[in-house]
Amino acid sequence: MKFPSLFRMPTHQRFKIEPRYYDPIKEDIERRTQEIKAQMSHSQTNNYQTTNSNSFPRKSRRGNKTSLFQLVLVLVLSISMVGYLYLGPQVIYGFIAVLALLIWARIKGKF
């Protein structure tokens, strides 16, 4: 008989494995289908340069915007922390307002 307890005792762990079904015929059909699709797409695109240029996308210039946003965010945060130490909790409200403006500008695409 088990007595009630405040502590939960660990129980044994059960090992459960679900066997997978292997169908060699279906796998062979899928492999052949993929080979045929690859041959058809290769025959349609004979020009190597067009396939190569589509493989590598152009670099985006988003990195500069992100670094500027991070810099502004760090400056606003550090100024608000120093302002809180000298002026009090009113600076926190200003920080929240500036943070809301930064997020709004980020969403609109100006930052």
PDB file of N, CA and C in Angstrom:
ATOM      1  N   MET A   1       0.835  -1.171   0.000  1.00  0.00           N
ATOM      2  CA  MET A   1       0.000   0.000   0.000  1.00  0.00           C
ATOM      3  C   MET A   1       0.885   1.241   0.000  1.00  0.00           C
ATOM      4  N   LYS A   2       0.513   2.194  -0.847  1.00  0.00           N
ATOM      5  CA  LYS A   2       1.315   3.400  -0.993  1.00  0.00           C
ATOM      6  C   LYS A   2       0.717   4.518  -0.146  1.00  0.00           C
ATOM      7  N   PHE A   3       1.593   5.176   0.618  1.00  0.00           N
ATOM      8  CA  PHE A   3       1.149   6.284   1.447  1.00  0.00           C
ATOM      9  C   PHE A   3       1.270   7.587   0.670  1.00  0.00           C
ATOM     10  N   PRO A   4       0.365   8.526   0.917  1.00  0.00           N
ATOM     11  CA  PRO A   4       0.475   9.811   0.240  1.00  0.00           C
ATOM     12  C   PRO A   4       1.766  10.528   0.649  1.00  0.00           C
ATOM     13  N   SER A   5       2.334  11.233  -0.304  1.00  0.00           N
ATOM     14  CA  SER A   5       3.593  11.914  -0.045  1.00  0.00           C
ATOM     15  C   SER A   5       3.592  13.286  -0.701  1.00  0.00           C
ATOM     16  N   LEU A   6       4.391  14.183  -0.147  1.00  0.00           N
ATOM     17  CA  LEU A   6       4.534  15.509  -0.735  1.00  0.00           C
ATOM     18  C   LEU A   6       5.526  15.503  -1.894  1.00  0.00           C
ATOM     19  N   PHE A   7       6.395  14.520  -1.895  1.00  0.00           N
ATOM     20  CA  PHE A   7       7.432  14.439  -2.913  1.00  0.00           C
ATOM     21  C   PHE A   7       7.076  13.403  -3.955  1.00  0.00           C
ATOM     22  N   ARG A   8       7.386  13.693  -5.174  1.00  0.00           N
ATOM     23  CA  ARG A   8       7.106  12.770  -6.273  1.00  0.00           C
ATOM     24  C   ARG A   8       8.343  11.905  -6.514  1.00  0.00           C
ATOM     25  N   MET A   9       8.155  10.631  -6.444  1.00  0.00           N
ATOM     26  CA  MET A   9       9.258   9.709  -6.659  1.00  0.00           C
ATOM     27  C   MET A   9       9.363   9.396  -8.148  1.00  0.00           C
ATOM     28  N   PRO A  10      10.570   9.266  -8.664  1.00  0.00           N
ATOM     29  CA  PRO A  10      10.712   8.966 -10.093  1.00  0.00           C
ATOM     30  C   PRO A  10      10.242   7.555 -10.414  1.00  0.00           C
ATOM     31  N   THR A  11       9.635   7.426 -11.571  1.00  0.00           N
ATOM     32  CA  THR A  11       9.186   6.108 -12.025  1.00  0.00           C
ATOM     33  C   THR A  11      10.151   5.613 -13.095  1.00  0.00           C
ATOM     34  N   HIS A  12      10.019   4.362 -13.461  1.00  0.00           N
ATOM     35  CA  HIS A  12      10.893   3.826 -14.485  1.00  0.00           C
ATOM     36  C   HIS A  12      10.518   4.414 -15.843  1.00  0.00           C
ATOM     37  N   GLN A  13      11.513   4.531 -16.695  1.00  0.00           N
ATOM     38  CA  GLN A  13      11.281   5.080 -18.025  1.00  0.00           C
ATOM     39  C   GLN A  13      11.013   3.936 -18.989  1.00  0.00           C
ATOM     40  N   ARG A  14      10.083   4.179 -19.883  1.00  0.00           N
ATOM     41  CA  ARG A  14       9.724   3.155 -20.851  1.00  0.00           C
ATOM     42  C   ARG A  14      10.340   3.490 -22.197  1.00  0.00           C
ATOM     43  N   PHE A  15      10.807   2.469 -22.864  1.00  0.00           N
ATOM     44  CA  PHE A  15      11.388   2.626 -24.185  1.00  0.00           C
ATOM     45  C   PHE A  15      10.342   2.223 -25.200  1.00  0.00           C
ATOM     46  N   LYS A  16       9.996   3.171 -26.064  1.00  0.00           N
ATOM     47  CA  LYS A  16       8.977   2.899 -27.070  1.00  0.00           C
ATOM     48  C   LYS A  16       9.559   3.218 -28.438  1.00  0.00           C
ATOM     49  N   ILE A  17       9.556   2.254 -29.319  1.00  0.00           N
ATOM     50  CA  ILE A  17      10.050   2.457 -30.673  1.00  0.00           C
ATOM     51  C   ILE A  17       8.951   2.054 -31.647  1.00  0.00           C
ATOM     52  N   GLU A  18       8.786   2.889 -32.651  1.00  0.00           N
ATOM     53  CA  GLU A  18       7.797   2.585 -33.678  1.00  0.00           C
ATOM     54  C   GLU A  18       8.549   2.153 -34.924  1.00  0.00           C
ATOM     55  N   PRO A  19       8.361   0.931 -35.356  1.00  0.00           N
ATOM     56  CA  PRO A  19       9.089   0.463 -36.542  1.00  0.00           C
ATOM     57  C   PRO A  19       8.596   1.185 -37.801  1.00  0.00           C
ATOM     58  N   ARG A  20       9.529   1.432 -38.708  1.00  0.00           N
ATOM     59  CA  ARG A  20       9.189   2.068 -39.975  1.00  0.00           C
ATOM     60  C   ARG A  20       8.999   1.002 -41.035  1.00  0.00           C
ATOM     61  N   TYR A  21       8.131   1.327 -41.970  1.00  0.00           N
ATOM     62  CA  TYR A  21       7.862   0.392 -43.049  1.00  0.00           C
ATOM     63  C   TYR A  21       8.741   0.755 -44.232  1.00  0.00           C
ATOM     64  N   TYR A  22       9.474  -0.210 -44.744  1.00  0.00           N
ATOM     65  CA  TYR A  22      10.388   0.014 -45.866  1.00  0.00           C
ATOM     66  C   TYR A  22       9.814  -0.660 -47.103  1.00  0.00           C
ATOM     67  N   ASP A  23       9.603   0.137 -48.141  1.00  0.00           N
ATOM     68  CA  ASP A  23       9.079  -0.378 -49.400  1.00  0.00           C
ATOM     69  C   ASP A  23      10.116  -0.102 -50.490  1.00  0.00           C
ATOM     70  N   PRO A  24      10.888  -1.123 -50.903  1.00  0.00           N
ATOM     71  CA  PRO A  24      11.939  -0.877 -51.897  1.00  0.00           C
ATOM     72  C   PRO A  24      11.390  -0.495 -53.266  1.00  0.00           C
ATOM     73  N   ILE A  25      10.222  -0.969 -53.614  1.00  0.00           N
ATOM     74  CA  ILE A  25       9.642  -0.654 -54.924  1.00  0.00           C
ATOM     75  C   ILE A  25       9.266   0.825 -54.984  1.00  0.00           C
ATOM     76  N   LYS A  26       8.635   1.302 -53.923  1.00  0.00           N
ATOM     77  CA  LYS A  26       8.243   2.708 -53.882  1.00  0.00           C
ATOM     78  C   LYS A  26       9.475   3.616 -53.890  1.00  0.00           C
ATOM     79  N   GLU A  27      10.509   3.224 -53.182  1.00  0.00           N
ATOM     80  CA  GLU A  27      11.733   4.014 -53.152  1.00  0.00           C
ATOM     81  C   GLU A  27      12.392   4.055 -54.529  1.00  0.00           C
ATOM     82  N   ASP A  28      12.375   2.941 -55.252  1.00  0.00           N
ATOM     83  CA  ASP A  28      12.952   2.891 -56.590  1.00  0.00           C
ATOM     84  C   ASP A  28      12.158   3.781 -57.552  1.00  0.00           C
ATOM     85  N   ILE A  29      10.847   3.761 -57.439  1.00  0.00           N
ATOM     86  CA  ILE A  29      10.004   4.607 -58.292  1.00  0.00           C
ATOM     87  C   ILE A  29      10.294   6.079 -58.030  1.00  0.00           C
ATOM     88  N   GLU A  30      10.416   6.457 -56.758  1.00  0.00           N
ATOM     89  CA  GLU A  30      10.710   7.857 -56.425  1.00  0.00           C
ATOM     90  C   GLU A  30      12.087   8.269 -56.945  1.00  0.00           C
ATOM     91  N   ARG A  31      13.075   7.392 -56.833  1.00  0.00           N
ATOM     92  CA  ARG A  31      14.413   7.706 -57.317  1.00  0.00           C
ATOM     93  C   ARG A  31      14.406   7.911 -58.823  1.00  0.00           C
ATOM     94  N   ARG A  32      13.722   7.030 -59.551  1.00  0.00           N
ATOM     95  CA  ARG A  32      13.645   7.163 -61.007  1.00  0.00           C
ATOM     96  C   ARG A  32      12.911   8.432 -61.413  1.00  0.00           C
ATOM     97  N   THR A  33      11.843   8.750 -60.695  1.00  0.00           N
ATOM     98  CA  THR A  33      11.082   9.961 -60.994  1.00  0.00           C
ATOM     99  C   THR A  33      11.946  11.200 -60.803  1.00  0.00           C
ATOM    100  N   GLN A  34      12.729  11.233 -59.738  1.00  0.00           N
ATOM    101  CA  GLN A  34      13.615  12.380 -59.502  1.00  0.00           C
ATOM    102  C   GLN A  34      14.685  12.488 -60.588  1.00  0.00           C
ATOM    103  N   GLU A  35      15.217  11.349 -61.035  1.00  0.00           N
ATOM    104  CA  GLU A  35      16.215  11.376 -62.103  1.00  0.00           C
ATOM    105  C   GLU A  35      15.629  11.911 -63.393  1.00  0.00           C
ATOM    106  N   ILE A  36      14.411  11.490 -63.721  1.00  0.00           N
ATOM    107  CA  ILE A  36      13.758  11.949 -64.950  1.00  0.00           C
ATOM    108  C   ILE A  36      13.476  13.448 -64.867  1.00  0.00           C
ATOM    109  N   LYS A  37      13.013  13.926 -63.698  1.00  0.00           N
ATOM    110  CA  LYS A  37      12.758  15.355 -63.542  1.00  0.00           C
ATOM    111  C   LYS A  37      14.046  16.158 -63.668  1.00  0.00           C
ATOM    112  N   ALA A  38      15.128  15.645 -63.117  1.00  0.00           N
ATOM    113  CA  ALA A  38      16.421  16.336 -63.211  1.00  0.00           C
ATOM    114  C   ALA A  38      16.890  16.387 -64.660  1.00  0.00           C
ATOM    115  N   GLN A  39      16.707  15.300 -65.427  1.00  0.00           N
ATOM    116  CA  GLN A  39      17.110  15.281 -66.832  1.00  0.00           C
ATOM    117  C   GLN A  39      16.268  16.252 -67.650  1.00  0.00           C
ATOM    118  N   MET A  40      14.963  16.305 -67.337  1.00  0.00           N
ATOM    119  CA  MET A  40      14.089  17.212 -68.082  1.00  0.00           C
ATOM    120  C   MET A  40      14.440  18.668 -67.785  1.00  0.00           C
ATOM    121  N   SER A  41      14.720  18.988 -66.543  1.00  0.00           N
ATOM    122  CA  SER A  41      15.061  20.368 -66.213  1.00  0.00           C
ATOM    123  C   SER A  41      16.439  20.731 -66.779  1.00  0.00           C
ATOM    124  N   HIS A  42      17.353  19.763 -66.837  1.00  0.00           N
ATOM    125  CA  HIS A  42      18.677  20.016 -67.397  1.00  0.00           C
ATOM    126  C   HIS A  42      18.594  20.252 -68.909  1.00  0.00           C
ATOM    127  N   SER A  43      17.714  19.533 -69.576  1.00  0.00           N
ATOM    128  CA  SER A  43      17.590  19.719 -71.017  1.00  0.00           C
ATOM    129  C   SER A  43      16.923  21.056 -71.355  1.00  0.00           C
ATOM    130  N   GLN A  44      16.071  21.554 -70.452  1.00  0.00           N
ATOM    131  CA  GLN A  44      15.410  22.830 -70.696  1.00  0.00           C
ATOM    132  C   GLN A  44      16.347  24.009 -70.471  1.00  0.00           C
ATOM    133  N   THR A  45      17.279  23.882 -69.525  1.00  0.00           N
ATOM    134  CA  THR A  45      18.209  24.975 -69.236  1.00  0.00           C
ATOM    135  C   THR A  45      19.585  24.573 -69.724  1.00  0.00           C
ATOM    136  N   ASN A  46      19.871  24.870 -70.955  1.00  0.00           N
ATOM    137  CA  ASN A  46      21.162  24.535 -71.529  1.00  0.00           C
ATOM    138  C   ASN A  46      22.218  25.591 -71.217  1.00  0.00           C
ATOM    139  N   ASN A  47      21.790  26.811 -70.952  1.00  0.00           N
ATOM    140  CA  ASN A  47      22.735  27.885 -70.708  1.00  0.00           C
ATOM    141  C   ASN A  47      23.208  27.837 -69.262  1.00  0.00           C
ATOM    142  N   TYR A  48      24.492  27.599 -69.040  1.00  0.00           N
ATOM    143  CA  TYR A  48      25.053  27.463 -67.690  1.00  0.00           C
ATOM    144  C   TYR A  48      25.039  28.789 -66.952  1.00  0.00           C
ATOM    145  N   GLN A  49      25.244  29.880 -67.657  1.00  0.00           N
ATOM    146  CA  GLN A  49      25.352  31.174 -67.004  1.00  0.00           C
ATOM    147  C   GLN A  49      24.027  31.599 -66.373  1.00  0.00           C
ATOM    148  N   THR A  50      22.916  31.323 -67.000  1.00  0.00           N
ATOM    149  CA  THR A  50      21.634  31.722 -66.422  1.00  0.00           C
ATOM    150  C   THR A  50      21.342  30.927 -65.162  1.00  0.00           C
ATOM    151  N   THR A  51      21.642  29.637 -65.148  1.00  0.00           N
ATOM    152  CA  THR A  51      21.381  28.856 -63.942  1.00  0.00           C
ATOM    153  C   THR A  51      22.332  29.254 -62.830  1.00  0.00           C
ATOM    154  N   ASN A  52      23.573  29.610 -63.169  1.00  0.00           N
ATOM    155  CA  ASN A  52      24.540  29.999 -62.162  1.00  0.00           C
ATOM    156  C   ASN A  52      24.187  31.350 -61.546  1.00  0.00           C
ATOM    157  N   SER A  53      23.723  32.299 -62.341  1.00  0.00           N
ATOM    158  CA  SER A  53      23.391  33.614 -61.798  1.00  0.00           C
ATOM    159  C   SER A  53      22.141  33.548 -60.927  1.00  0.00           C
ATOM    160  N   ASN A  54      21.237  32.629 -61.197  1.00  0.00           N
ATOM    161  CA  ASN A  54      20.048  32.490 -60.367  1.00  0.00           C
ATOM    162  C   ASN A  54      20.344  31.762 -59.061  1.00  0.00           C
ATOM    163  N   SER A  55      21.460  31.059 -59.001  1.00  0.00           N
ATOM    164  CA  SER A  55      21.775  30.282 -57.811  1.00  0.00           C
ATOM    165  C   SER A  55      22.262  31.147 -56.665  1.00  0.00           C
ATOM    166  N   PHE A  56      22.919  32.259 -56.979  1.00  0.00           N
ATOM    167  CA  PHE A  56      23.495  33.105 -55.947  1.00  0.00           C
ATOM    168  C   PHE A  56      22.779  34.442 -55.922  1.00  0.00           C
ATOM    169  N   PRO A  57      22.007  34.699 -54.870  1.00  0.00           N
ATOM    170  CA  PRO A  57      21.303  35.988 -54.814  1.00  0.00           C
ATOM    171  C   PRO A  57      22.262  37.136 -54.522  1.00  0.00           C
ATOM    172  N   ARG A  58      21.848  38.316 -54.893  1.00  0.00           N
ATOM    173  CA  ARG A  58      22.658  39.513 -54.660  1.00  0.00           C
ATOM    174  C   ARG A  58      22.678  39.849 -53.172  1.00  0.00           C
ATOM    175  N   LYS A  59      23.762  40.490 -52.757  1.00  0.00           N
ATOM    176  CA  LYS A  59      23.848  40.909 -51.359  1.00  0.00           C
ATOM    177  C   LYS A  59      22.888  42.062 -51.120  1.00  0.00           C
ATOM    178  N   SER A  60      22.264  42.021 -49.970  1.00  0.00           N
ATOM    179  CA  SER A  60      21.387  43.131 -49.623  1.00  0.00           C
ATOM    180  C   SER A  60      22.161  44.137 -48.774  1.00  0.00           C
ATOM    181  N   ARG A  61      21.703  45.358 -48.773  1.00  0.00           N
ATOM    182  CA  ARG A  61      22.372  46.410 -48.019  1.00  0.00           C
ATOM    183  C   ARG A  61      21.683  46.642 -46.686  1.00  0.00           C
ATOM    184  N   ARG A  62      21.075  45.621 -46.140  1.00  0.00           N
ATOM    185  CA  ARG A  62      20.349  45.751 -44.883  1.00  0.00           C
ATOM    186  C   ARG A  62      21.288  45.812 -43.685  1.00  0.00           C
ATOM    187  N   GLY A  63      22.521  45.384 -43.819  1.00  0.00           N
ATOM    188  CA  GLY A  63      23.461  45.364 -42.710  1.00  0.00           C
ATOM    189  C   GLY A  63      23.731  46.751 -42.147  1.00  0.00           C
ATOM    190  N   ASN A  64      23.827  47.761 -42.995  1.00  0.00           N
ATOM    191  CA  ASN A  64      24.072  49.117 -42.516  1.00  0.00           C
ATOM    192  C   ASN A  64      22.894  49.647 -41.711  1.00  0.00           C
ATOM    193  N   LYS A  65      21.690  49.352 -42.137  1.00  0.00           N
ATOM    194  CA  LYS A  65      20.507  49.803 -41.413  1.00  0.00           C
ATOM    195  C   LYS A  65      20.439  49.144 -40.041  1.00  0.00           C
ATOM    196  N   THR A  66      20.772  47.881 -39.982  1.00  0.00           N
ATOM    197  CA  THR A  66      20.721  47.164 -38.720  1.00  0.00           C
ATOM    198  C   THR A  66      21.749  47.699 -37.745  1.00  0.00           C
ATOM    199  N   SER A  67      22.963  47.949 -38.201  1.00  0.00           N
ATOM    200  CA  SER A  67      23.993  48.462 -37.305  1.00  0.00           C
ATOM    201  C   SER A  67      23.649  49.864 -36.819  1.00  0.00           C
ATOM    202  N   LEU A  68      23.054  50.698 -37.671  1.00  0.00           N
ATOM    203  CA  LEU A  68      22.640  52.027 -37.256  1.00  0.00           C
ATOM    204  C   LEU A  68      21.543  51.938 -36.200  1.00  0.00           C
ATOM    205  N   PHE A  69      20.595  51.060 -36.411  1.00  0.00           N
ATOM    206  CA  PHE A  69      19.509  50.874 -35.444  1.00  0.00           C
ATOM    207  C   PHE A  69      20.057  50.395 -34.111  1.00  0.00           C
ATOM    208  N   GLN A  70      20.999  49.471 -34.119  1.00  0.00           N
ATOM    209  CA  GLN A  70      21.590  48.978 -32.886  1.00  0.00           C
ATOM    210  C   GLN A  70      22.362  50.072 -32.173  1.00  0.00           C
ATOM    211  N   LEU A  71      23.078  50.887 -32.922  1.00  0.00           N
ATOM    212  CA  LEU A  71      23.832  51.986 -32.327  1.00  0.00           C
ATOM    213  C   LEU A  71      22.903  52.986 -31.656  1.00  0.00           C
ATOM    214  N   VAL A  72      21.836  53.357 -32.343  1.00  0.00           N
ATOM    215  CA  VAL A  72      20.885  54.307 -31.770  1.00  0.00           C
ATOM    216  C   VAL A  72      20.226  53.705 -30.540  1.00  0.00           C
ATOM    217  N   LEU A  73      19.883  52.438 -30.590  1.00  0.00           N
ATOM    218  CA  LEU A  73      19.246  51.784 -29.453  1.00  0.00           C
ATOM    219  C   LEU A  73      20.179  51.738 -28.245  1.00  0.00           C
ATOM    220  N   VAL A  74      21.451  51.441 -28.445  1.00  0.00           N
ATOM    221  CA  VAL A  74      22.419  51.406 -27.342  1.00  0.00           C
ATOM    222  C   VAL A  74      22.614  52.803 -26.763  1.00  0.00           C
ATOM    223  N   LEU A  75      22.696  53.814 -27.620  1.00  0.00           N
ATOM    224  CA  LEU A  75      22.846  55.184 -27.127  1.00  0.00           C
ATOM    225  C   LEU A  75      21.639  55.624 -26.299  1.00  0.00           C
ATOM    226  N   VAL A  76      20.448  55.346 -26.779  1.00  0.00           N
ATOM    227  CA  VAL A  76      19.242  55.737 -26.048  1.00  0.00           C
ATOM    228  C   VAL A  76      19.167  54.989 -24.716  1.00  0.00           C
ATOM    229  N   LEU A  77      19.515  53.724 -24.721  1.00  0.00           N
ATOM    230  CA  LEU A  77      19.479  52.946 -23.487  1.00  0.00           C
ATOM    231  C   LEU A  77      20.497  53.456 -22.479  1.00  0.00           C
ATOM    232  N   SER A  78      21.706  53.730 -22.919  1.00  0.00           N
ATOM    233  CA  SER A  78      22.728  54.209 -21.987  1.00  0.00           C
ATOM    234  C   SER A  78      22.393  55.599 -21.462  1.00  0.00           C
ATOM    235  N   ILE A  79      21.890  56.481 -22.299  1.00  0.00           N
ATOM    236  CA  ILE A  79      21.496  57.821 -21.848  1.00  0.00           C
ATOM    237  C   ILE A  79      20.349  57.734 -20.848  1.00  0.00           C
ATOM    238  N   SER A  80      19.391  56.844 -21.093  1.00  0.00           N
ATOM    239  CA  SER A  80      18.269  56.710 -20.162  1.00  0.00           C
ATOM    240  C   SER A  80      18.722  56.129 -18.824  1.00  0.00           C
ATOM    241  N   MET A  81      19.697  55.233 -18.829  1.00  0.00           N
ATOM    242  CA  MET A  81      20.193  54.688 -17.560  1.00  0.00           C
ATOM    243  C   MET A  81      20.893  55.769 -16.745  1.00  0.00           C
ATOM    244  N   VAL A  82      21.739  56.580 -17.396  1.00  0.00           N
ATOM    245  CA  VAL A  82      22.416  57.667 -16.697  1.00  0.00           C
ATOM    246  C   VAL A  82      21.395  58.702 -16.232  1.00  0.00           C
ATOM    247  N   GLY A  83      20.422  58.991 -17.071  1.00  0.00           N
ATOM    248  CA  GLY A  83      19.370  59.939 -16.691  1.00  0.00           C
ATOM    249  C   GLY A  83      18.544  59.439 -15.526  1.00  0.00           C
ATOM    250  N   TYR A  84      18.304  58.139 -15.462  1.00  0.00           N
ATOM    251  CA  TYR A  84      17.547  57.588 -14.333  1.00  0.00           C
ATOM    252  C   TYR A  84      18.322  57.755 -13.029  1.00  0.00           C
ATOM    253  N   LEU A  85      19.631  57.584 -13.097  1.00  0.00           N
ATOM    254  CA  LEU A  85      20.436  57.739 -11.886  1.00  0.00           C
ATOM    255  C   LEU A  85      20.435  59.192 -11.394  1.00  0.00           C
ATOM    256  N   TYR A  86      20.418  60.167 -12.304  1.00  0.00           N
ATOM    257  CA  TYR A  86      20.494  61.567 -11.912  1.00  0.00           C
ATOM    258  C   TYR A  86      19.122  62.227 -11.755  1.00  0.00           C
ATOM    259  N   LEU A  87      18.170  61.875 -12.589  1.00  0.00           N
ATOM    260  CA  LEU A  87      16.893  62.601 -12.581  1.00  0.00           C
ATOM    261  C   LEU A  87      15.728  61.806 -11.997  1.00  0.00           C
ATOM    262  N   GLY A  88      15.778  60.498 -12.052  1.00  0.00           N
ATOM    263  CA  GLY A  88      14.704  59.713 -11.464  1.00  0.00           C
ATOM    264  C   GLY A  88      13.884  58.970 -12.498  1.00  0.00           C
ATOM    265  N   PRO A  89      12.717  58.482 -12.074  1.00  0.00           N
ATOM    266  CA  PRO A  89      11.918  57.586 -12.938  1.00  0.00           C
ATOM    267  C   PRO A  89      11.252  58.274 -14.130  1.00  0.00           C
ATOM    268  N   GLN A  90      11.262  59.614 -14.197  1.00  0.00           N
ATOM    269  CA  GLN A  90      10.654  60.286 -15.360  1.00  0.00           C
ATOM    270  C   GLN A  90      11.418  59.957 -16.634  1.00  0.00           C
ATOM    271  N   VAL A  91      12.676  59.646 -16.507  1.00  0.00           N
ATOM    272  CA  VAL A  91      13.486  59.317 -17.680  1.00  0.00           C
ATOM    273  C   VAL A  91      13.049  57.987 -18.285  1.00  0.00           C
ATOM    274  N   ILE A  92      12.568  57.079 -17.446  1.00  0.00           N
ATOM    275  CA  ILE A  92      12.094  55.780 -17.948  1.00  0.00           C
ATOM    276  C   ILE A  92      10.917  55.980 -18.893  1.00  0.00           C
ATOM    277  N   TYR A  93      10.013  56.896 -18.548  1.00  0.00           N
ATOM    278  CA  TYR A  93       8.869  57.167 -19.425  1.00  0.00           C
ATOM    279  C   TYR A  93       9.335  57.742 -20.765  1.00  0.00           C
ATOM    280  N   GLY A  94      10.320  58.609 -20.705  1.00  0.00           N
ATOM    281  CA  GLY A  94      10.884  59.138 -21.944  1.00  0.00           C
ATOM    282  C   GLY A  94      11.554  58.049 -22.768  1.00  0.00           C
ATOM    283  N   PHE A  95      12.254  57.130 -22.090  1.00  0.00           N
ATOM    284  CA  PHE A  95      12.882  56.006 -22.789  1.00  0.00           C
ATOM    285  C   PHE A  95      11.844  55.140 -23.483  1.00  0.00           C
ATOM    286  N   ILE A  96      10.739  54.888 -22.814  1.00  0.00           N
ATOM    287  CA  ILE A  96       9.677  54.073 -23.421  1.00  0.00           C
ATOM    288  C   ILE A  96       9.112  54.788 -24.651  1.00  0.00           C
ATOM    289  N   ALA A  97       8.952  56.106 -24.568  1.00  0.00           N
ATOM    290  CA  ALA A  97       8.426  56.859 -25.709  1.00  0.00           C
ATOM    291  C   ALA A  97       9.406  56.830 -26.884  1.00  0.00           C
ATOM    292  N   VAL A  98      10.697  57.031 -26.595  1.00  0.00           N
ATOM    293  CA  VAL A  98      11.689  57.006 -27.666  1.00  0.00           C
ATOM    294  C   VAL A  98      11.795  55.606 -28.272  1.00  0.00           C
ATOM    295  N   LEU A  99      11.715  54.579 -27.426  1.00  0.00           N
ATOM    296  CA  LEU A  99      11.753  53.198 -27.926  1.00  0.00           C
ATOM    297  C   LEU A  99      10.563  52.917 -28.834  1.00  0.00           C
ATOM    298  N   ALA A 100       9.389  53.420 -28.460  1.00  0.00           N
ATOM    299  CA  ALA A 100       8.217  53.239 -29.319  1.00  0.00           C
ATOM    300  C   ALA A 100       8.408  53.940 -30.659  1.00  0.00           C
ATOM    301  N   LEU A 101       9.001  55.136 -30.637  1.00  0.00           N
ATOM    302  CA  LEU A 101       9.263  55.854 -31.897  1.00  0.00           C
ATOM    303  C   LEU A 101      10.283  55.110 -32.759  1.00  0.00           C
ATOM    304  N   LEU A 102      11.312  54.554 -32.128  1.00  0.00           N
ATOM    305  CA  LEU A 102      12.310  53.794 -32.889  1.00  0.00           C
ATOM    306  C   LEU A 102      11.692  52.564 -33.546  1.00  0.00           C
ATOM    307  N   ILE A 103      10.862  51.864 -32.805  1.00  0.00           N
ATOM    308  CA  ILE A 103      10.206  50.669 -33.364  1.00  0.00           C
ATOM    309  C   ILE A 103       9.272  51.079 -34.494  1.00  0.00           C
ATOM    310  N   TRP A 104       8.547  52.178 -34.316  1.00  0.00           N
ATOM    311  CA  TRP A 104       7.650  52.643 -35.368  1.00  0.00           C
ATOM    312  C   TRP A 104       8.442  53.022 -36.630  1.00  0.00           C
ATOM    313  N   ALA A 105       9.593  53.697 -36.446  1.00  0.00           N
ATOM    314  CA  ALA A 105      10.422  54.065 -37.588  1.00  0.00           C
ATOM    315  C   ALA A 105      11.007  52.832 -38.254  1.00  0.00           C
ATOM    316  N   ARG A 106      11.344  51.836 -37.466  1.00  0.00           N
ATOM    317  CA  ARG A 106      11.883  50.587 -38.017  1.00  0.00           C
ATOM    318  C   ARG A 106      10.836  49.877 -38.857  1.00  0.00           C
ATOM    319  N   ILE A 107       9.614  49.853 -38.380  1.00  0.00           N
ATOM    320  CA  ILE A 107       8.527  49.193 -39.124  1.00  0.00           C
ATOM    321  C   ILE A 107       8.231  49.950 -40.423  1.00  0.00           C
ATOM    322  N   LYS A 108       8.244  51.266 -40.358  1.00  0.00           N
ATOM    323  CA  LYS A 108       7.954  52.068 -41.548  1.00  0.00           C
ATOM    324  C   LYS A 108       9.099  52.045 -42.549  1.00  0.00           C
ATOM    325  N   GLY A 109      10.273  51.614 -42.143  1.00  0.00           N
ATOM    326  CA  GLY A 109      11.393  51.495 -43.061  1.00  0.00           C
ATOM    327  C   GLY A 109      12.291  52.715 -43.118  1.00  0.00           C
ATOM    328  N   LYS A 110      12.195  53.589 -42.151  1.00  0.00           N
ATOM    329  CA  LYS A 110      13.026  54.791 -42.164  1.00  0.00           C
ATOM    330  C   LYS A 110      14.357  54.561 -41.462  1.00  0.00           C
ATOM    331  N   PHE A 111      14.492  53.479 -40.745  1.00  0.00           N
ATOM    332  CA  PHE A 111      15.740  53.166 -40.051  1.00  0.00           C
ATOM    333  C   PHE A 111      16.281  51.882 -40.578  1.00  0.00           C
TER     334      PHE A 111
END
